PDB file of all heavy atoms in Angstrom:
ATOM      1  N   ILE A   1       0.847  -1.196   0.000  1.00  0.00           N
ATOM      2  CA  ILE A   1       0.000   0.000   0.000  1.00  0.00           C
ATOM      3  C   ILE A   1       0.881   1.243   0.000  1.00  0.00           C
ATOM      4  O   ILE A   1       0.634   2.194  -0.742  1.00  0.00           O
ATOM      5  CB  ILE A   1      -0.968  -0.008   1.204  1.00  0.00           C
ATOM      6  CG1 ILE A   1      -1.974  -1.152   1.063  1.00  0.00           C
ATOM      7  CG2 ILE A   1      -1.689   1.327   1.331  1.00  0.00           C
ATOM      8  CD1 ILE A   1      -2.803  -1.401   2.298  1.00  0.00           C
ATOM      9  N   ALA A   2       1.932   1.228   0.826  1.00  0.00           N
ATOM     10  CA  ALA A   2       2.847   2.368   0.892  1.00  0.00           C
ATOM     11  C   ALA A   2       3.497   2.621  -0.468  1.00  0.00           C
ATOM     12  O   ALA A   2       3.574   3.764  -0.921  1.00  0.00           O
ATOM     13  CB  ALA A   2       3.921   2.124   1.951  1.00  0.00           C
ATOM     14  N   GLU A   3       3.924   1.559  -1.116  1.00  0.00           N
ATOM     15  CA  GLU A   3       4.551   1.715  -2.437  1.00  0.00           C
ATOM     16  C   GLU A   3       3.548   2.285  -3.436  1.00  0.00           C
ATOM     17  O   GLU A   3       3.866   3.183  -4.207  1.00  0.00           O
ATOM     18  CB  GLU A   3       5.095   0.386  -2.938  1.00  0.00           C
ATOM     19  CG  GLU A   3       5.821   0.511  -4.262  1.00  0.00           C
ATOM     20  CD  GLU A   3       6.527  -0.756  -4.670  1.00  0.00           C
ATOM     21  OE1 GLU A   3       7.342  -1.274  -3.902  1.00  0.00           O
ATOM     22  OE2 GLU A   3       6.243  -1.228  -5.794  1.00  0.00           O
ATOM     23  N   ALA A   4       2.328   1.785  -3.393  1.00  0.00           N
ATOM     24  CA  ALA A   4       1.301   2.274  -4.322  1.00  0.00           C
ATOM     25  C   ALA A   4       0.957   3.740  -4.065  1.00  0.00           C
ATOM     26  O   ALA A   4       0.643   4.476  -4.992  1.00  0.00           O
ATOM     27  CB  ALA A   4       0.049   1.413  -4.212  1.00  0.00           C
ATOM     28  N   LEU A   5       1.039   4.165  -2.803  1.00  0.00           N
ATOM     29  CA  LEU A   5       0.765   5.553  -2.465  1.00  0.00           C
ATOM     30  C   LEU A   5       1.988   6.445  -2.673  1.00  0.00           C
ATOM     31  O   LEU A   5       1.882   7.669  -2.611  1.00  0.00           O
ATOM     32  CB  LEU A   5       0.299   5.674  -1.009  1.00  0.00           C
ATOM     33  CG  LEU A   5      -1.060   5.058  -0.680  1.00  0.00           C
ATOM     34  CD1 LEU A   5      -1.318   5.117   0.816  1.00  0.00           C
ATOM     35  CD2 LEU A   5      -2.165   5.751  -1.448  1.00  0.00           C
ATOM     36  N   GLY A   6       3.147   5.827  -2.866  1.00  0.00           N
ATOM     37  CA  GLY A   6       4.371   6.608  -3.044  1.00  0.00           C
ATOM     38  C   GLY A   6       4.853   7.219  -1.749  1.00  0.00           C
ATOM     39  O   GLY A   6       5.346   8.338  -1.711  1.00  0.00           O
ATOM     40  N   THR A   7       4.707   6.452  -0.640  1.00  0.00           N
ATOM     41  CA  THR A   7       5.065   6.976   0.669  1.00  0.00           C
ATOM     42  C   THR A   7       5.700   5.878   1.517  1.00  0.00           C
ATOM     43  O   THR A   7       5.897   4.763   1.060  1.00  0.00           O
ATOM     44  CB  THR A   7       3.815   7.581   1.352  1.00  0.00           C
ATOM     45  OG1 THR A   7       4.218   8.299   2.506  1.00  0.00           O
ATOM     46  CG2 THR A   7       2.799   6.520   1.722  1.00  0.00           C
ATOM     47  N   THR A   8       5.992   6.172   2.751  1.00  0.00           N
ATOM     48  CA  THR A   8       6.575   5.189   3.666  1.00  0.00           C
ATOM     49  C   THR A   8       5.462   4.337   4.282  1.00  0.00           C
ATOM     50  O   THR A   8       4.286   4.719   4.256  1.00  0.00           O
ATOM     51  CB  THR A   8       7.339   5.882   4.803  1.00  0.00           C
ATOM     52  OG1 THR A   8       6.413   6.646   5.586  1.00  0.00           O
ATOM     53  CG2 THR A   8       8.442   6.780   4.265  1.00  0.00           C
ATOM     54  N   GLU A   9       5.855   3.191   4.852  1.00  0.00           N
ATOM     55  CA  GLU A   9       4.858   2.345   5.530  1.00  0.00           C
ATOM     56  C   GLU A   9       4.224   3.082   6.699  1.00  0.00           C
ATOM     57  O   GLU A   9       3.015   3.007   6.912  1.00  0.00           O
ATOM     58  CB  GLU A   9       5.499   1.043   6.010  1.00  0.00           C
ATOM     59  CG  GLU A   9       5.774   0.062   4.895  1.00  0.00           C
ATOM     60  CD  GLU A   9       6.249  -1.274   5.419  1.00  0.00           C
ATOM     61  OE1 GLU A   9       5.567  -1.849   6.297  1.00  0.00           O
ATOM     62  OE2 GLU A   9       7.301  -1.733   4.953  1.00  0.00           O
ATOM     63  N   LYS A  10       5.031   3.811   7.445  1.00  0.00           N
ATOM     64  CA  LYS A  10       4.521   4.562   8.591  1.00  0.00           C
ATOM     65  C   LYS A  10       3.478   5.590   8.136  1.00  0.00           C
ATOM     66  O   LYS A  10       2.414   5.706   8.723  1.00  0.00           O
ATOM     67  CB  LYS A  10       5.672   5.253   9.316  1.00  0.00           C
ATOM     68  CG  LYS A  10       5.256   6.029  10.533  1.00  0.00           C
ATOM     69  CD  LYS A  10       6.458   6.664  11.213  1.00  0.00           C
ATOM     70  CE  LYS A  10       6.031   7.497  12.402  1.00  0.00           C
ATOM     71  NZ  LYS A  10       7.165   8.139  13.061  1.00  0.00           N
ATOM     72  N   ALA A  11       3.801   6.319   7.067  1.00  0.00           N
ATOM     73  CA  ALA A  11       2.863   7.321   6.548  1.00  0.00           C
ATOM     74  C   ALA A  11       1.610   6.656   5.980  1.00  0.00           C
ATOM     75  O   ALA A  11       0.501   7.173   6.136  1.00  0.00           O
ATOM     76  CB  ALA A  11       3.543   8.179   5.491  1.00  0.00           C
ATOM     77  N   ALA A  12       1.763   5.506   5.338  1.00  0.00           N
ATOM     78  CA  ALA A  12       0.603   4.792   4.786  1.00  0.00           C
ATOM     79  C   ALA A  12      -0.315   4.320   5.910  1.00  0.00           C
ATOM     80  O   ALA A  12      -1.537   4.463   5.816  1.00  0.00           O
ATOM     81  CB  ALA A  12       1.061   3.601   3.941  1.00  0.00           C
ATOM     82  N   ARG A  13       0.270   3.763   6.976  1.00  0.00           N
ATOM     83  CA  ARG A  13      -0.553   3.340   8.121  1.00  0.00           C
ATOM     84  C   ARG A  13      -1.294   4.527   8.727  1.00  0.00           C
ATOM     85  O   ARG A  13      -2.480   4.434   9.063  1.00  0.00           O
ATOM     86  CB  ARG A  13       0.316   2.656   9.178  1.00  0.00           C
ATOM     87  CG  ARG A  13       0.636   1.212   8.869  1.00  0.00           C
ATOM     88  CD  ARG A  13       1.245   0.489  10.074  1.00  0.00           C
ATOM     89  NE  ARG A  13       2.490   1.082  10.515  1.00  0.00           N
ATOM     90  CZ  ARG A  13       3.691   0.810   9.994  1.00  0.00           C
ATOM     91  NH1 ARG A  13       3.787  -0.062   9.013  1.00  0.00           N
ATOM     92  NH2 ARG A  13       4.777   1.393  10.452  1.00  0.00           N
ATOM     93  N   ALA A  14      -0.591   5.658   8.844  1.00  0.00           N
ATOM     94  CA  ALA A  14      -1.225   6.858   9.407  1.00  0.00           C
ATOM     95  C   ALA A  14      -2.370   7.332   8.515  1.00  0.00           C
ATOM     96  O   ALA A  14      -3.428   7.724   9.010  1.00  0.00           O
ATOM     97  CB  ALA A  14      -0.186   7.965   9.583  1.00  0.00           C
ATOM     98  N   ARG A  15      -2.170   7.284   7.212  1.00  0.00           N
ATOM     99  CA  ARG A  15      -3.230   7.714   6.284  1.00  0.00           C
ATOM    100  C   ARG A  15      -4.425   6.785   6.382  1.00  0.00           C
ATOM    101  O   ARG A  15      -5.571   7.227   6.402  1.00  0.00           O
ATOM    102  CB  ARG A  15      -2.710   7.756   4.849  1.00  0.00           C
ATOM    103  CG  ARG A  15      -3.722   8.402   3.909  1.00  0.00           C
ATOM    104  CD  ARG A  15      -3.230   8.547   2.511  1.00  0.00           C
ATOM    105  NE  ARG A  15      -2.036   9.379   2.437  1.00  0.00           N
ATOM    106  CZ  ARG A  15      -1.407   9.673   1.313  1.00  0.00           C
ATOM    107  NH1 ARG A  15      -1.859   9.215   0.159  1.00  0.00           N
ATOM    108  NH2 ARG A  15      -0.333  10.422   1.322  1.00  0.00           N
ATOM    109  N   LEU A  16      -4.173   5.472   6.436  1.00  0.00           N
ATOM    110  CA  LEU A  16      -5.268   4.506   6.579  1.00  0.00           C
ATOM    111  C   LEU A  16      -6.047   4.762   7.867  1.00  0.00           C
ATOM    112  O   LEU A  16      -7.277   4.806   7.854  1.00  0.00           O
ATOM    113  CB  LEU A  16      -4.729   3.077   6.560  1.00  0.00           C
ATOM    114  CG  LEU A  16      -4.282   2.553   5.201  1.00  0.00           C
ATOM    115  CD1 LEU A  16      -3.517   1.240   5.368  1.00  0.00           C
ATOM    116  CD2 LEU A  16      -5.458   2.370   4.268  1.00  0.00           C
ATOM    117  N   ARG A  17      -5.333   4.929   8.985  1.00  0.00           N
ATOM    118  CA  ARG A  17      -6.004   5.192  10.268  1.00  0.00           C
ATOM    119  C   ARG A  17      -6.813   6.485  10.199  1.00  0.00           C
ATOM    120  O   ARG A  17      -7.940   6.548  10.695  1.00  0.00           O
ATOM    121  CB  ARG A  17      -4.985   5.266  11.403  1.00  0.00           C
ATOM    122  CG  ARG A  17      -4.584   3.926  11.962  1.00  0.00           C
ATOM    123  CD  ARG A  17      -3.830   4.075  13.281  1.00  0.00           C
ATOM    124  NE  ARG A  17      -2.707   4.997  13.202  1.00  0.00           N
ATOM    125  CZ  ARG A  17      -1.473   4.679  12.804  1.00  0.00           C
ATOM    126  NH1 ARG A  17      -1.198   3.442  12.443  1.00  0.00           N
ATOM    127  NH2 ARG A  17      -0.518   5.578  12.773  1.00  0.00           N
ATOM    128  N   HIS A  18      -6.221   7.520   9.599  1.00  0.00           N
ATOM    129  CA  HIS A  18      -6.911   8.811   9.497  1.00  0.00           C
ATOM    130  C   HIS A  18      -8.242   8.658   8.766  1.00  0.00           C
ATOM    131  O   HIS A  18      -9.274   9.121   9.242  1.00  0.00           O
ATOM    132  CB  HIS A  18      -6.014   9.816   8.763  1.00  0.00           C
ATOM    133  CG  HIS A  18      -6.715  11.077   8.381  1.00  0.00           C
ATOM    134  ND1 HIS A  18      -7.005  12.074   9.291  1.00  0.00           N
ATOM    135  CD2 HIS A  18      -7.200  11.503   7.187  1.00  0.00           C
ATOM    136  CE1 HIS A  18      -7.634  13.055   8.675  1.00  0.00           C
ATOM    137  NE2 HIS A  18      -7.763  12.744   7.395  1.00  0.00           N
ATOM    138  N   TYR A  19      -8.213   7.990   7.618  1.00  0.00           N
ATOM    139  CA  TYR A  19      -9.437   7.875   6.836  1.00  0.00           C
ATOM    140  C   TYR A  19     -10.394   6.849   7.395  1.00  0.00           C
ATOM    141  O   TYR A  19     -11.608   7.002   7.256  1.00  0.00           O
ATOM    142  CB  TYR A  19      -9.109   7.583   5.371  1.00  0.00           C
ATOM    143  CG  TYR A  19      -8.601   8.803   4.645  1.00  0.00           C
ATOM    144  CD1 TYR A  19      -7.308   8.866   4.179  1.00  0.00           C
ATOM    145  CD2 TYR A  19      -9.421   9.921   4.476  1.00  0.00           C
ATOM    146  CE1 TYR A  19      -6.836   9.991   3.519  1.00  0.00           C
ATOM    147  CE2 TYR A  19      -8.951  11.051   3.842  1.00  0.00           C
ATOM    148  CZ  TYR A  19      -7.665  11.086   3.370  1.00  0.00           C
ATOM    149  OH  TYR A  19      -7.200  12.203   2.740  1.00  0.00           O
ATOM    150  N   GLU A  20      -9.886   5.812   8.033  1.00  0.00           N
ATOM    151  CA  GLU A  20     -10.798   4.808   8.628  1.00  0.00           C
ATOM    152  C   GLU A  20     -11.687   5.438   9.695  1.00  0.00           C
ATOM    153  O   GLU A  20     -12.807   5.019   9.903  1.00  0.00           O
ATOM    154  CB  GLU A  20      -9.981   3.668   9.261  1.00  0.00           C
ATOM    155  CG  GLU A  20      -9.424   2.698   8.253  1.00  0.00           C
ATOM    156  CD  GLU A  20      -8.506   1.666   8.886  1.00  0.00           C
ATOM    157  OE1 GLU A  20      -8.070   1.853  10.049  1.00  0.00           O
ATOM    158  OE2 GLU A  20      -8.215   0.671   8.222  1.00  0.00           O
ATOM    159  N   HIS A  21     -11.170   6.450  10.368  1.00  0.00           N
ATOM    160  CA  HIS A  21     -11.900   7.042  11.499  1.00  0.00           C
ATOM    161  C   HIS A  21     -12.441   8.436  11.185  1.00  0.00           C
ATOM    162  O   HIS A  21     -12.928   9.127  12.073  1.00  0.00           O
ATOM    163  CB  HIS A  21     -11.001   7.088  12.727  1.00  0.00           C
ATOM    164  CG  HIS A  21     -10.477   5.736  13.101  1.00  0.00           C
ATOM    165  ND1 HIS A  21     -11.299   4.735  13.592  1.00  0.00           N
ATOM    166  CD2 HIS A  21      -9.240   5.202  13.020  1.00  0.00           C
ATOM    167  CE1 HIS A  21     -10.576   3.645  13.801  1.00  0.00           C
ATOM    168  NE2 HIS A  21      -9.334   3.894  13.459  1.00  0.00           N
ATOM    169  N   LEU A  22     -12.377   8.838   9.936  1.00  0.00           N
ATOM    170  CA  LEU A  22     -12.868  10.147   9.540  1.00  0.00           C
ATOM    171  C   LEU A  22     -14.392  10.128   9.485  1.00  0.00           C
ATOM    172  O   LEU A  22     -14.999   9.214   8.958  1.00  0.00           O
ATOM    173  CB  LEU A  22     -12.313  10.519   8.154  1.00  0.00           C
ATOM    174  CG  LEU A  22     -12.593  11.915   7.644  1.00  0.00           C
ATOM    175  CD1 LEU A  22     -11.862  12.947   8.516  1.00  0.00           C
ATOM    176  CD2 LEU A  22     -12.132  12.048   6.206  1.00  0.00           C
ATOM    177  N   THR A  23     -14.982  11.151  10.068  1.00  0.00           N
ATOM    178  CA  THR A  23     -16.451  11.283   9.993  1.00  0.00           C
ATOM    179  C   THR A  23     -16.779  12.673   9.521  1.00  0.00           C
ATOM    180  O   THR A  23     -16.011  13.622   9.703  1.00  0.00           O
ATOM    181  CB  THR A  23     -17.113  11.045  11.356  1.00  0.00           C
ATOM    182  OG1 THR A  23     -16.584  11.988  12.298  1.00  0.00           O
ATOM    183  CG2 THR A  23     -16.878   9.632  11.850  1.00  0.00           C
ATOM    184  N   TRP A  24     -17.906  12.804   8.889  1.00  0.00           N
ATOM    185  CA  TRP A  24     -18.370  14.096   8.379  1.00  0.00           C
ATOM    186  C   TRP A  24     -19.697  14.413   9.023  1.00  0.00           C
ATOM    187  O   TRP A  24     -20.624  13.619   8.988  1.00  0.00           O
ATOM    188  CB  TRP A  24     -18.500  14.035   6.858  1.00  0.00           C
ATOM    189  CG  TRP A  24     -19.018  15.309   6.290  1.00  0.00           C
ATOM    190  CD1 TRP A  24     -20.239  15.511   5.739  1.00  0.00           C
ATOM    191  CD2 TRP A  24     -18.345  16.553   6.205  1.00  0.00           C
ATOM    192  NE1 TRP A  24     -20.365  16.793   5.309  1.00  0.00           N
ATOM    193  CE2 TRP A  24     -19.201  17.460   5.602  1.00  0.00           C
ATOM    194  CE3 TRP A  24     -17.089  17.000   6.595  1.00  0.00           C
ATOM    195  CZ2 TRP A  24     -18.865  18.801   5.371  1.00  0.00           C
ATOM    196  CZ3 TRP A  24     -16.754  18.323   6.361  1.00  0.00           C
ATOM    197  CH2 TRP A  24     -17.635  19.188   5.754  1.00  0.00           C
TER     198      TRP A  24
END
């Protein structure tokens, strides 16, 4: 996932967590 996003694993995990818990 990190490679596909063009980022580090740490940043990819953070992005996944951010969006998994995002509410509008």
